Amino acid sequence: MKLTRFVMTAALLASLAFFNQGLDAKEKQKAKQAPVALDGNCAVCLVKGQKVVKGSAEHSVVYDGQTYLFPSEEVKNVFVANPAKYVPALNGDCSVCFAHHDGVRNPGKIDHVSFYQGRVFLFPNTQIKSVFDQSPQKYADVDLACDGKCIVCKIDGGKDVPGKPEFTAIYKGKRYQFPSETVMQKFQSNPAKYVGKKAGAQKTSSTTTPASQLVSIKGTTGCAACEYGVHPKKDPNTLGLAVKSGDGKIYVIEGAHDSHPSLYKKRFESLKVSVKGKQIAQQGKFVWLEPQFIEKLQ
């Protein structure tokens, strides 16, 4: 009996080891396909200490198509927690070249590095580096996409909404900013859906309009267009206030930008609210309400 248990345990451990080896092999293969960033030097060390410190392949992570190496697992985890803070501008390409040559991507070198506002900038030679150093503010934001406005809000909602630096995602070396973490995650789940596309006409679909009824709900606020891809019925040119209830339904609050402007401006902050209003339409999980009152909960 004991021998049987021993054999079964050994077989299980062997299977787990084989499975883990398979995962490690996939990660290593992924890293092989992605070029090594910063000549293998630590991105965190550059930003935090302005020091060139060699990383190790044992502590690596692939981000935005490049492999970043770190001297320890602890430093690697610092990067993973907020990679947008540590990646070099334009993924290490020259910001001056990008600005003066219509977006040409010319690789920089770790030997020609500048630091500005907590970010790392690389250049192909000393001469171009000196151009940046003389007027860094002129080139610091050439990698900022959409002038810092939310690309998701523009494509899905047709509106210009300012992003926030704390919600920054890097895609192909460019910085994209968003008004909330939810919208940023929506972009990160499918960046190709938004980059390179223009804001177009909204999708049309049939909507059922049930008999008017009073509805009372509690939930958290969000942006109807940016986060859920829907607009108010009566003001389709606005992005709209949405309230997500505990049962997963999304309530689009008609006219909130006029009736509750302060709450509307803070809709990205996931505020807890109570809403009572008349239901005017429904489509799947989406319900449109004409509000009678909206109360912010503690």
C-alpha atoms as a PDB file:
ATOM      1  CA  MET A   1       0.000   0.000   0.000  1.00  0.00           C
ATOM      2  CA  LYS A   2       2.786   2.406   0.984  1.00  0.00           C
ATOM      3  CA  LEU A   3       4.693   1.493  -2.170  1.00  0.00           C
ATOM      4  CA  THR A   4       1.621   2.267  -4.299  1.00  0.00           C
ATOM      5  CA  ARG A   5       1.206   5.695  -2.676  1.00  0.00           C
ATOM      6  CA  PHE A   6       4.891   6.420  -3.176  1.00  0.00           C
ATOM      7  CA  VAL A   7       4.688   5.548  -6.875  1.00  0.00           C
ATOM      8  CA  MET A   8       1.548   7.685  -7.356  1.00  0.00           C
ATOM      9  CA  THR A   9       3.131  10.650  -5.560  1.00  0.00           C
ATOM     10  CA  ALA A  10       6.297  10.356  -7.606  1.00  0.00           C
ATOM     11  CA  ALA A  11       4.278  10.229 -10.817  1.00  0.00           C
ATOM     12  CA  LEU A  12       2.309  13.329  -9.807  1.00  0.00           C
ATOM     13  CA  LEU A  13       5.463  15.292  -8.988  1.00  0.00           C
ATOM     14  CA  ALA A  14       7.011  14.251 -12.275  1.00  0.00           C
ATOM     15  CA  SER A  15       3.904  15.438 -14.152  1.00  0.00           C
ATOM     16  CA  LEU A  16       3.968  18.823 -12.401  1.00  0.00           C
ATOM     17  CA  ALA A  17       7.658  19.226 -13.134  1.00  0.00           C
ATOM     18  CA  PHE A  18       7.055  18.435 -16.798  1.00  0.00           C
ATOM     19  CA  PHE A  19       4.157  20.934 -16.905  1.00  0.00           C
ATOM     20  CA  ASN A  20       6.266  23.689 -15.327  1.00  0.00           C
ATOM     21  CA  GLN A  21       9.088  22.978 -17.740  1.00  0.00           C
ATOM     22  CA  GLY A  22       6.589  23.451 -20.557  1.00  0.00           C
ATOM     23  CA  LEU A  23       5.549  26.847 -19.182  1.00  0.00           C
ATOM     24  CA  ASP A  24       9.176  27.909 -18.729  1.00  0.00           C
ATOM     25  CA  ALA A  25       9.928  26.828 -22.284  1.00  0.00           C
ATOM     26  CA  LYS A  26       7.074  28.984 -23.612  1.00  0.00           C
ATOM     27  CA  GLU A  27       8.293  32.021 -21.665  1.00  0.00           C
ATOM     28  CA  LYS A  28      11.850  31.487 -22.882  1.00  0.00           C
ATOM     29  CA  GLN A  29      10.646  31.133 -26.464  1.00  0.00           C
ATOM     30  CA  LYS A  30       8.654  34.347 -26.121  1.00  0.00           C
ATOM     31  CA  ALA A  31      11.716  36.145 -24.773  1.00  0.00           C
ATOM     32  CA  LYS A  32      13.871  34.828 -27.625  1.00  0.00           C
ATOM     33  CA  GLN A  33      11.492  36.324 -30.171  1.00  0.00           C
ATOM     34  CA  ALA A  34      11.519  39.764 -28.503  1.00  0.00           C
ATOM     35  CA  PRO A  35      14.667  41.906 -28.843  1.00  0.00           C
ATOM     36  CA  VAL A  36      16.517  42.815 -25.657  1.00  0.00           C
ATOM     37  CA  ALA A  37      15.870  46.391 -24.554  1.00  0.00           C
ATOM     38  CA  LEU A  38      18.535  48.833 -23.338  1.00  0.00           C
ATOM     39  CA  ASP A  39      21.355  46.484 -24.374  1.00  0.00           C
ATOM     40  CA  GLY A  40      20.380  44.263 -21.468  1.00  0.00           C
ATOM     41  CA  ASN A  41      20.638  46.990 -18.837  1.00  0.00           C
ATOM     42  CA  CYS A  42      18.100  47.524 -16.066  1.00  0.00           C
ATOM     43  CA  ALA A  43      15.311  50.007 -16.871  1.00  0.00           C
ATOM     44  CA  VAL A  44      14.433  50.504 -13.194  1.00  0.00           C
ATOM     45  CA  CYS A  45      18.040  51.289 -12.275  1.00  0.00           C
ATOM     46  CA  LEU A  46      18.201  53.897 -15.034  1.00  0.00           C
ATOM     47  CA  VAL A  47      15.065  55.713 -13.892  1.00  0.00           C
ATOM     48  CA  LYS A  48      15.550  55.457 -10.137  1.00  0.00           C
ATOM     49  CA  GLY A  49      19.298  55.875  -9.848  1.00  0.00           C
ATOM     50  CA  GLN A  50      20.352  57.116 -13.293  1.00  0.00           C
ATOM     51  CA  LYS A  51      22.825  54.238 -13.285  1.00  0.00           C
ATOM     52  CA  VAL A  52      23.660  51.708 -15.983  1.00  0.00           C
ATOM     53  CA  VAL A  53      23.333  48.297 -14.335  1.00  0.00           C
ATOM     54  CA  LYS A  54      23.452  45.040 -16.259  1.00  0.00           C
ATOM     55  CA  GLY A  55      20.440  42.788 -15.981  1.00  0.00           C
ATOM     56  CA  SER A  56      20.246  39.016 -16.105  1.00  0.00           C
ATOM     57  CA  ALA A  57      18.280  36.708 -18.385  1.00  0.00           C
ATOM     58  CA  GLU A  58      17.173  34.889 -15.228  1.00  0.00           C
ATOM     59  CA  HIS A  59      15.145  37.964 -14.274  1.00  0.00           C
ATOM     60  CA  SER A  60      13.453  39.046 -17.486  1.00  0.00           C
ATOM     61  CA  VAL A  61      10.029  40.106 -18.698  1.00  0.00           C
ATOM     62  CA  VAL A  62       8.625  40.865 -22.150  1.00  0.00           C
ATOM     63  CA  TYR A  63       6.770  44.170 -22.421  1.00  0.00           C
ATOM     64  CA  ASP A  64       5.537  45.911 -25.570  1.00  0.00           C
ATOM     65  CA  GLY A  65       7.549  43.587 -27.788  1.00  0.00           C
ATOM     66  CA  GLN A  66      10.868  43.939 -25.969  1.00  0.00           C
ATOM     67  CA  THR A  67      12.666  41.849 -23.365  1.00  0.00           C
ATOM     68  CA  TYR A  68      13.735  43.756 -20.263  1.00  0.00           C
ATOM     69  CA  LEU A  69      16.439  42.315 -18.006  1.00  0.00           C
ATOM     70  CA  PHE A  70      16.939  43.035 -14.307  1.00  0.00           C
ATOM     71  CA  PRO A  71      19.631  42.269 -11.723  1.00  0.00           C
ATOM     72  CA  SER A  72      17.158  40.608  -9.342  1.00  0.00           C
ATOM     73  CA  GLU A  73      13.597  39.343  -9.096  1.00  0.00           C
ATOM     74  CA  GLU A  74      12.789  42.142  -6.659  1.00  0.00           C
ATOM     75  CA  VAL A  75      13.774  44.828  -9.165  1.00  0.00           C
ATOM     76  CA  LYS A  76      11.901  42.990 -11.906  1.00  0.00           C
ATOM     77  CA  ASN A  77       8.726  43.095  -9.798  1.00  0.00           C
ATOM     78  CA  VAL A  78       9.109  46.868  -9.407  1.00  0.00           C
ATOM     79  CA  PHE A  79       9.047  47.150 -13.198  1.00  0.00           C
ATOM     80  CA  VAL A  80       6.098  44.773 -13.606  1.00  0.00           C
ATOM     81  CA  ALA A  81       4.036  46.822 -11.138  1.00  0.00           C
ATOM     82  CA  ASN A  82       4.265  49.924 -13.366  1.00  0.00           C
ATOM     83  CA  PRO A  83       6.146  49.313 -16.637  1.00  0.00           C
ATOM     84  CA  ALA A  84       5.023  52.577 -18.255  1.00  0.00           C
ATOM     85  CA  LYS A  85       7.055  54.431 -15.633  1.00  0.00           C
ATOM     86  CA  TYR A  86      10.321  52.736 -16.573  1.00  0.00           C
ATOM     87  CA  VAL A  87      10.345  51.998 -20.303  1.00  0.00           C
ATOM     88  CA  PRO A  88      12.457  54.489 -22.294  1.00  0.00           C
ATOM     89  CA  ALA A  89      10.725  57.005 -24.534  1.00  0.00           C
ATOM     90  CA  LEU A  90       9.725  55.472 -27.873  1.00  0.00           C
ATOM     91  CA  ASN A  91      11.061  52.122 -26.626  1.00  0.00           C
ATOM     92  CA  GLY A  92      14.580  53.515 -26.904  1.00  0.00           C
ATOM     93  CA  ASP A  93      14.267  55.215 -30.288  1.00  0.00           C
ATOM     94  CA  CYS A  94      15.476  58.789 -30.767  1.00  0.00           C
ATOM     95  CA  SER A  95      12.897  61.442 -29.821  1.00  0.00           C
ATOM     96  CA  VAL A  96      14.696  64.183 -31.759  1.00  0.00           C
ATOM     97  CA  CYS A  97      14.776  62.088 -34.938  1.00  0.00           C
ATOM     98  CA  PHE A  98      11.112  61.216 -34.473  1.00  0.00           C
ATOM     99  CA  ALA A  99      10.172  64.892 -34.155  1.00  0.00           C
ATOM    100  CA  HIS A 100      12.198  66.195 -37.093  1.00  0.00           C
ATOM    101  CA  HIS A 101      11.697  63.372 -39.582  1.00  0.00           C
ATOM    102  CA  ASP A 102       7.939  62.756 -39.548  1.00  0.00           C
ATOM    103  CA  GLY A 103       7.933  59.887 -37.106  1.00  0.00           C
ATOM    104  CA  VAL A 104      11.036  58.056 -38.322  1.00  0.00           C
ATOM    105  CA  ARG A 105      12.158  55.514 -35.703  1.00  0.00           C
ATOM    106  CA  ASN A 106      15.923  55.702 -35.315  1.00  0.00           C
ATOM    107  CA  PRO A 107      17.320  53.482 -32.505  1.00  0.00           C
ATOM    108  CA  GLY A 108      19.190  55.194 -29.693  1.00  0.00           C
ATOM    109  CA  LYS A 109      22.091  53.802 -27.689  1.00  0.00           C
ATOM    110  CA  ILE A 110      22.599  53.356 -23.981  1.00  0.00           C
ATOM    111  CA  ASP A 111      25.909  55.238 -24.368  1.00  0.00           C
ATOM    112  CA  HIS A 112      23.948  58.383 -25.261  1.00  0.00           C
ATOM    113  CA  VAL A 113      21.271  58.654 -22.592  1.00  0.00           C
ATOM    114  CA  SER A 114      19.503  61.679 -21.128  1.00  0.00           C
ATOM    115  CA  PHE A 115      17.136  61.970 -18.179  1.00  0.00           C
ATOM    116  CA  TYR A 116      14.214  64.369 -18.036  1.00  0.00           C
ATOM    117  CA  GLN A 117      11.191  64.480 -15.734  1.00  0.00           C
ATOM    118  CA  GLY A 118      11.889  60.983 -14.455  1.00  0.00           C
ATOM    119  CA  ARG A 119      12.083  59.432 -17.912  1.00  0.00           C
ATOM    120  CA  VAL A 120      14.855  57.920 -20.031  1.00  0.00           C
ATOM    121  CA  PHE A 121      15.699  59.130 -23.548  1.00  0.00           C
ATOM    122  CA  LEU A 122      18.218  57.452 -25.865  1.00  0.00           C
ATOM    123  CA  PHE A 123      20.004  58.921 -28.888  1.00  0.00           C
ATOM    124  CA  PRO A 124      22.209  57.527 -31.669  1.00  0.00           C
ATOM    125  CA  ASN A 125      25.105  59.936 -31.043  1.00  0.00           C
ATOM    126  CA  THR A 126      26.386  62.774 -28.871  1.00  0.00           C
ATOM    127  CA  GLN A 127      25.398  65.504 -31.328  1.00  0.00           C
ATOM    128  CA  ILE A 128      21.714  64.570 -31.360  1.00  0.00           C
ATOM    129  CA  LYS A 129      21.746  64.067 -27.599  1.00  0.00           C
ATOM    130  CA  SER A 130      22.991  67.645 -27.183  1.00  0.00           C
ATOM    131  CA  VAL A 131      20.061  68.909 -29.283  1.00  0.00           C
ATOM    132  CA  PHE A 132      17.686  67.265 -26.823  1.00  0.00           C
ATOM    133  CA  ASP A 133      19.597  68.468 -23.765  1.00  0.00           C
ATOM    134  CA  GLN A 134      19.375  72.089 -24.929  1.00  0.00           C
ATOM    135  CA  SER A 135      15.555  71.992 -25.145  1.00  0.00           C
ATOM    136  CA  PRO A 136      14.237  68.777 -23.544  1.00  0.00           C
ATOM    137  CA  GLN A 137      10.720  70.169 -23.126  1.00  0.00           C
ATOM    138  CA  LYS A 138      10.492  70.428 -26.912  1.00  0.00           C
ATOM    139  CA  TYR A 139      10.937  66.679 -27.399  1.00  0.00           C
ATOM    140  CA  ALA A 140       9.767  65.102 -24.134  1.00  0.00           C
ATOM    141  CA  ASP A 141       6.217  64.446 -25.327  1.00  0.00           C
ATOM    142  CA  VAL A 142       6.727  63.454 -28.954  1.00  0.00           C
ATOM    143  CA  ASP A 143       5.765  59.917 -27.902  1.00  0.00           C
ATOM    144  CA  LEU A 144       2.493  61.051 -26.296  1.00  0.00           C
ATOM    145  CA  ALA A 145      -0.320  59.778 -28.501  1.00  0.00           C
ATOM    146  CA  CYS A 146      -3.450  61.831 -29.209  1.00  0.00           C
ATOM    147  CA  ASP A 147      -2.017  64.810 -27.297  1.00  0.00           C
ATOM    148  CA  GLY A 148      -2.786  62.960 -24.086  1.00  0.00           C
ATOM    149  CA  LYS A 149      -6.461  62.508 -24.904  1.00  0.00           C
ATOM    150  CA  CYS A 150      -8.191  59.160 -24.521  1.00  0.00           C
ATOM    151  CA  ILE A 151      -8.165  57.190 -27.769  1.00  0.00           C
ATOM    152  CA  VAL A 152     -10.869  54.825 -26.500  1.00  0.00           C
ATOM    153  CA  CYS A 153     -13.206  57.734 -25.789  1.00  0.00           C
ATOM    154  CA  LYS A 154     -12.506  59.117 -29.256  1.00  0.00           C
ATOM    155  CA  ILE A 155     -13.055  55.876 -31.165  1.00  0.00           C
ATOM    156  CA  ASP A 156     -15.937  54.468 -29.134  1.00  0.00           C
ATOM    157  CA  GLY A 157     -17.564  57.730 -28.114  1.00  0.00           C
ATOM    158  CA  GLY A 158     -16.489  60.287 -30.699  1.00  0.00           C
ATOM    159  CA  LYS A 159     -15.398  62.723 -27.990  1.00  0.00           C
ATOM    160  CA  ASP A 160     -12.127  64.262 -26.801  1.00  0.00           C
ATOM    161  CA  VAL A 161     -11.596  63.320 -23.157  1.00  0.00           C
ATOM    162  CA  PRO A 162      -8.310  64.211 -21.408  1.00  0.00           C
ATOM    163  CA  GLY A 163      -6.333  61.269 -20.074  1.00  0.00           C
ATOM    164  CA  LYS A 164      -4.386  61.173 -16.816  1.00  0.00           C
ATOM    165  CA  PRO A 165      -0.667  60.342 -16.442  1.00  0.00           C
ATOM    166  CA  GLU A 166      -1.435  57.769 -13.744  1.00  0.00           C
ATOM    167  CA  PHE A 167      -3.401  55.766 -16.321  1.00  0.00           C
ATOM    168  CA  THR A 168      -0.751  55.359 -19.019  1.00  0.00           C
ATOM    169  CA  ALA A 169      -0.239  52.370 -21.303  1.00  0.00           C
ATOM    170  CA  ILE A 170       2.616  51.871 -23.772  1.00  0.00           C
ATOM    171  CA  TYR A 171       1.907  50.451 -27.218  1.00  0.00           C
ATOM    172  CA  LYS A 172       4.607  50.256 -29.887  1.00  0.00           C
ATOM    173  CA  GLY A 173       6.645  52.754 -27.916  1.00  0.00           C
ATOM    174  CA  LYS A 174       3.974  55.436 -27.689  1.00  0.00           C
ATOM    175  CA  ARG A 175       2.208  56.578 -24.535  1.00  0.00           C
ATOM    176  CA  TYR A 176      -1.577  56.404 -24.400  1.00  0.00           C
ATOM    177  CA  GLN A 177      -3.375  58.051 -21.496  1.00  0.00           C
ATOM    178  CA  PHE A 178      -6.867  57.372 -20.176  1.00  0.00           C
ATOM    179  CA  PRO A 179      -9.301  58.921 -17.686  1.00  0.00           C
ATOM    180  CA  SER A 180      -9.600  55.737 -15.608  1.00  0.00           C
ATOM    181  CA  GLU A 181      -8.081  52.314 -15.063  1.00  0.00           C
ATOM    182  CA  THR A 182     -11.183  50.655 -16.513  1.00  0.00           C
ATOM    183  CA  VAL A 183     -10.803  52.487 -19.823  1.00  0.00           C
ATOM    184  CA  MET A 184      -7.054  51.790 -19.848  1.00  0.00           C
ATOM    185  CA  GLN A 185      -7.691  48.073 -19.377  1.00  0.00           C
ATOM    186  CA  LYS A 186     -10.191  48.151 -22.220  1.00  0.00           C
ATOM    187  CA  PHE A 187      -7.450  49.531 -24.468  1.00  0.00           C
ATOM    188  CA  GLN A 188      -4.857  47.045 -23.223  1.00  0.00           C
ATOM    189  CA  SER A 189      -7.144  44.110 -23.970  1.00  0.00           C
ATOM    190  CA  ASN A 190      -7.160  45.019 -27.681  1.00  0.00           C
ATOM    191  CA  PRO A 191      -4.944  48.022 -28.579  1.00  0.00           C
ATOM    192  CA  ALA A 192      -4.992  47.227 -32.301  1.00  0.00           C
ATOM    193  CA  LYS A 193      -8.731  47.946 -32.274  1.00  0.00           C
ATOM    194  CA  TYR A 194      -8.014  51.601 -31.527  1.00  0.00           C
ATOM    195  CA  VAL A 195      -4.566  52.494 -32.855  1.00  0.00           C
ATOM    196  CA  GLY A 196      -4.582  53.584 -36.473  1.00  0.00           C
ATOM    197  CA  LYS A 197      -8.353  53.839 -36.674  1.00  0.00           C
ATOM    198  CA  LYS A 198     -10.495  56.919 -36.919  1.00  0.00           C
ATOM    199  CA  ALA A 199     -13.591  57.682 -34.927  1.00  0.00           C
ATOM    200  CA  GLY A 200     -16.482  56.618 -37.087  1.00  0.00           C
ATOM    201  CA  ALA A 201     -20.191  56.197 -36.977  1.00  0.00           C
ATOM    202  CA  GLN A 202     -21.553  54.317 -34.040  1.00  0.00           C
ATOM    203  CA  LYS A 203     -22.853  50.812 -34.512  1.00  0.00           C
ATOM    204  CA  THR A 204     -26.558  50.585 -35.039  1.00  0.00           C
ATOM    205  CA  SER A 205     -28.640  47.854 -33.512  1.00  0.00           C
ATOM    206  CA  SER A 206     -32.213  47.232 -32.622  1.00  0.00           C
ATOM    207  CA  THR A 207     -33.364  48.354 -29.215  1.00  0.00           C
ATOM    208  CA  THR A 208     -36.514  47.275 -27.493  1.00  0.00           C
ATOM    209  CA  THR A 209     -38.568  50.005 -25.870  1.00  0.00           C
ATOM    210  CA  PRO A 210     -40.695  48.554 -23.089  1.00  0.00           C
ATOM    211  CA  ALA A 211     -43.546  50.335 -21.390  1.00  0.00           C
ATOM    212  CA  SER A 212     -42.296  53.101 -19.116  1.00  0.00           C
ATOM    213  CA  GLN A 213     -41.649  51.913 -15.587  1.00  0.00           C
ATOM    214  CA  LEU A 214     -39.997  53.337 -12.510  1.00  0.00           C
ATOM    215  CA  VAL A 215     -36.674  51.761 -11.579  1.00  0.00           C
ATOM    216  CA  SER A 216     -34.587  52.181  -8.424  1.00  0.00           C
ATOM    217  CA  ILE A 217     -30.979  50.972  -8.513  1.00  0.00           C
ATOM    218  CA  LYS A 218     -27.667  51.245  -6.710  1.00  0.00           C
ATOM    219  CA  GLY A 219     -24.313  50.868  -8.410  1.00  0.00           C
ATOM    220  CA  THR A 220     -21.029  52.435  -9.485  1.00  0.00           C
ATOM    221  CA  THR A 221     -20.539  55.176 -12.049  1.00  0.00           C
ATOM    222  CA  GLY A 222     -18.668  54.933 -15.332  1.00  0.00           C
ATOM    223  CA  CYS A 223     -18.570  56.412 -18.817  1.00  0.00           C
ATOM    224  CA  ALA A 224     -21.307  54.970 -21.023  1.00  0.00           C
ATOM    225  CA  ALA A 225     -19.457  55.377 -24.333  1.00  0.00           C
ATOM    226  CA  CYS A 226     -15.848  54.930 -23.223  1.00  0.00           C
ATOM    227  CA  GLU A 227     -16.334  51.922 -20.972  1.00  0.00           C
ATOM    228  CA  TYR A 228     -19.414  50.238 -22.420  1.00  0.00           C
ATOM    229  CA  GLY A 229     -19.720  51.481 -26.007  1.00  0.00           C
ATOM    230  CA  VAL A 230     -23.238  52.926 -25.693  1.00  0.00           C
ATOM    231  CA  HIS A 231     -24.661  56.461 -25.779  1.00  0.00           C
ATOM    232  CA  PRO A 232     -27.680  58.222 -24.293  1.00  0.00           C
ATOM    233  CA  LYS A 233     -30.751  58.032 -26.531  1.00  0.00           C
ATOM    234  CA  LYS A 234     -31.739  61.686 -26.356  1.00  0.00           C
ATOM    235  CA  ASP A 235     -28.205  63.120 -26.453  1.00  0.00           C
ATOM    236  CA  PRO A 236     -26.218  60.651 -28.591  1.00  0.00           C
ATOM    237  CA  ASN A 237     -23.439  63.193 -29.093  1.00  0.00           C
ATOM    238  CA  THR A 238     -22.534  63.033 -25.399  1.00  0.00           C
ATOM    239  CA  LEU A 239     -20.468  60.272 -23.809  1.00  0.00           C
ATOM    240  CA  GLY A 240     -23.059  59.663 -21.122  1.00  0.00           C
ATOM    241  CA  LEU A 241     -23.130  58.641 -17.477  1.00  0.00           C
ATOM    242  CA  ALA A 242     -23.473  54.917 -16.823  1.00  0.00           C
ATOM    243  CA  VAL A 243     -24.267  53.136 -13.573  1.00  0.00           C
ATOM    244  CA  LYS A 244     -23.376  49.459 -13.244  1.00  0.00           C
ATOM    245  CA  SER A 245     -25.649  47.654 -10.810  1.00  0.00           C
ATOM    246  CA  GLY A 246     -24.858  44.603  -8.737  1.00  0.00           C
ATOM    247  CA  ASP A 247     -26.652  42.276 -11.170  1.00  0.00           C
ATOM    248  CA  GLY A 248     -24.366  43.333 -14.034  1.00  0.00           C
ATOM    249  CA  LYS A 249     -26.834  45.592 -15.848  1.00  0.00           C
ATOM    250  CA  ILE A 250     -25.606  48.906 -17.235  1.00  0.00           C
ATOM    251  CA  TYR A 251     -27.960  51.850 -16.761  1.00  0.00           C
ATOM    252  CA  VAL A 252     -27.419  54.827 -19.069  1.00  0.00           C
ATOM    253  CA  ILE A 253     -28.620  57.977 -17.323  1.00  0.00           C
ATOM    254  CA  GLU A 254     -30.201  60.393 -19.782  1.00  0.00           C
ATOM    255  CA  GLY A 255     -29.230  64.075 -19.564  1.00  0.00           C
ATOM    256  CA  ALA A 256     -26.826  63.614 -16.642  1.00  0.00           C
ATOM    257  CA  HIS A 257     -24.317  66.055 -18.149  1.00  0.00           C
ATOM    258  CA  ASP A 258     -26.917  68.814 -17.673  1.00  0.00           C
ATOM    259  CA  SER A 259     -28.844  67.688 -14.595  1.00  0.00           C
ATOM    260  CA  HIS A 260     -25.833  66.501 -12.565  1.00  0.00           C
ATOM    261  CA  PRO A 261     -22.729  68.129 -14.124  1.00  0.00           C
ATOM    262  CA  SER A 262     -20.480  67.603 -11.087  1.00  0.00           C
ATOM    263  CA  LEU A 263     -21.258  63.889 -10.911  1.00  0.00           C
ATOM    264  CA  TYR A 264     -20.923  63.612 -14.688  1.00  0.00           C
ATOM    265  CA  LYS A 265     -17.384  65.008 -14.587  1.00  0.00           C
ATOM    266  CA  LYS A 266     -16.430  62.460 -11.923  1.00  0.00           C
ATOM    267  CA  ARG A 267     -18.066  59.491 -13.676  1.00  0.00           C
ATOM    268  CA  PHE A 268     -14.705  57.760 -14.238  1.00  0.00           C
ATOM    269  CA  GLU A 269     -14.083  57.551 -10.480  1.00  0.00           C
ATOM    270  CA  SER A 270     -16.427  54.564  -9.870  1.00  0.00           C
ATOM    271  CA  LEU A 271     -18.555  56.483  -7.379  1.00  0.00           C
ATOM    272  CA  LYS A 272     -21.333  54.651  -5.545  1.00  0.00           C
ATOM    273  CA  VAL A 273     -24.736  56.139  -6.325  1.00  0.00           C
ATOM    274  CA  SER A 274     -28.437  55.499  -5.928  1.00  0.00           C
ATOM    275  CA  VAL A 275     -30.648  56.307  -8.911  1.00  0.00           C
ATOM    276  CA  LYS A 276     -34.404  56.372  -9.393  1.00  0.00           C
ATOM    277  CA  GLY A 277     -35.881  57.006 -12.797  1.00  0.00           C
ATOM    278  CA  LYS A 278     -38.163  56.013 -15.641  1.00  0.00           C
ATOM    279  CA  GLN A 279     -36.964  53.238 -17.930  1.00  0.00           C
ATOM    280  CA  ILE A 280     -37.323  54.313 -21.557  1.00  0.00           C
ATOM    281  CA  ALA A 281     -35.481  51.541 -23.419  1.00  0.00           C
ATOM    282  CA  GLN A 282     -33.587  48.302 -22.975  1.00  0.00           C
ATOM    283  CA  GLN A 283     -31.209  46.238 -25.081  1.00  0.00           C
ATOM    284  CA  GLY A 284     -29.768  43.159 -23.436  1.00  0.00           C
ATOM    285  CA  LYS A 285     -27.930  44.248 -20.298  1.00  0.00           C
ATOM    286  CA  PHE A 286     -28.243  47.955 -21.202  1.00  0.00           C
ATOM    287  CA  VAL A 287     -31.108  50.024 -19.788  1.00  0.00           C
ATOM    288  CA  TRP A 288     -31.760  53.704 -20.486  1.00  0.00           C
ATOM    289  CA  LEU A 289     -33.244  55.789 -17.651  1.00  0.00           C
ATOM    290  CA  GLU A 290     -34.703  59.262 -17.374  1.00  0.00           C
ATOM    291  CA  PRO A 291     -33.607  60.091 -13.817  1.00  0.00           C
ATOM    292  CA  GLN A 292     -35.903  61.538 -11.193  1.00  0.00           C
ATOM    293  CA  PHE A 293     -33.086  61.794  -8.678  1.00  0.00           C
ATOM    294  CA  ILE A 294     -29.471  60.677  -8.262  1.00  0.00           C
ATOM    295  CA  GLU A 295     -27.836  60.465  -4.854  1.00  0.00           C
ATOM    296  CA  LYS A 296     -24.164  59.885  -4.129  1.00  0.00           C
ATOM    297  CA  LEU A 297     -23.719  57.225  -1.449  1.00  0.00           C
ATOM    298  CA  GLN A 298     -21.062  57.205   1.259  1.00  0.00           C
END
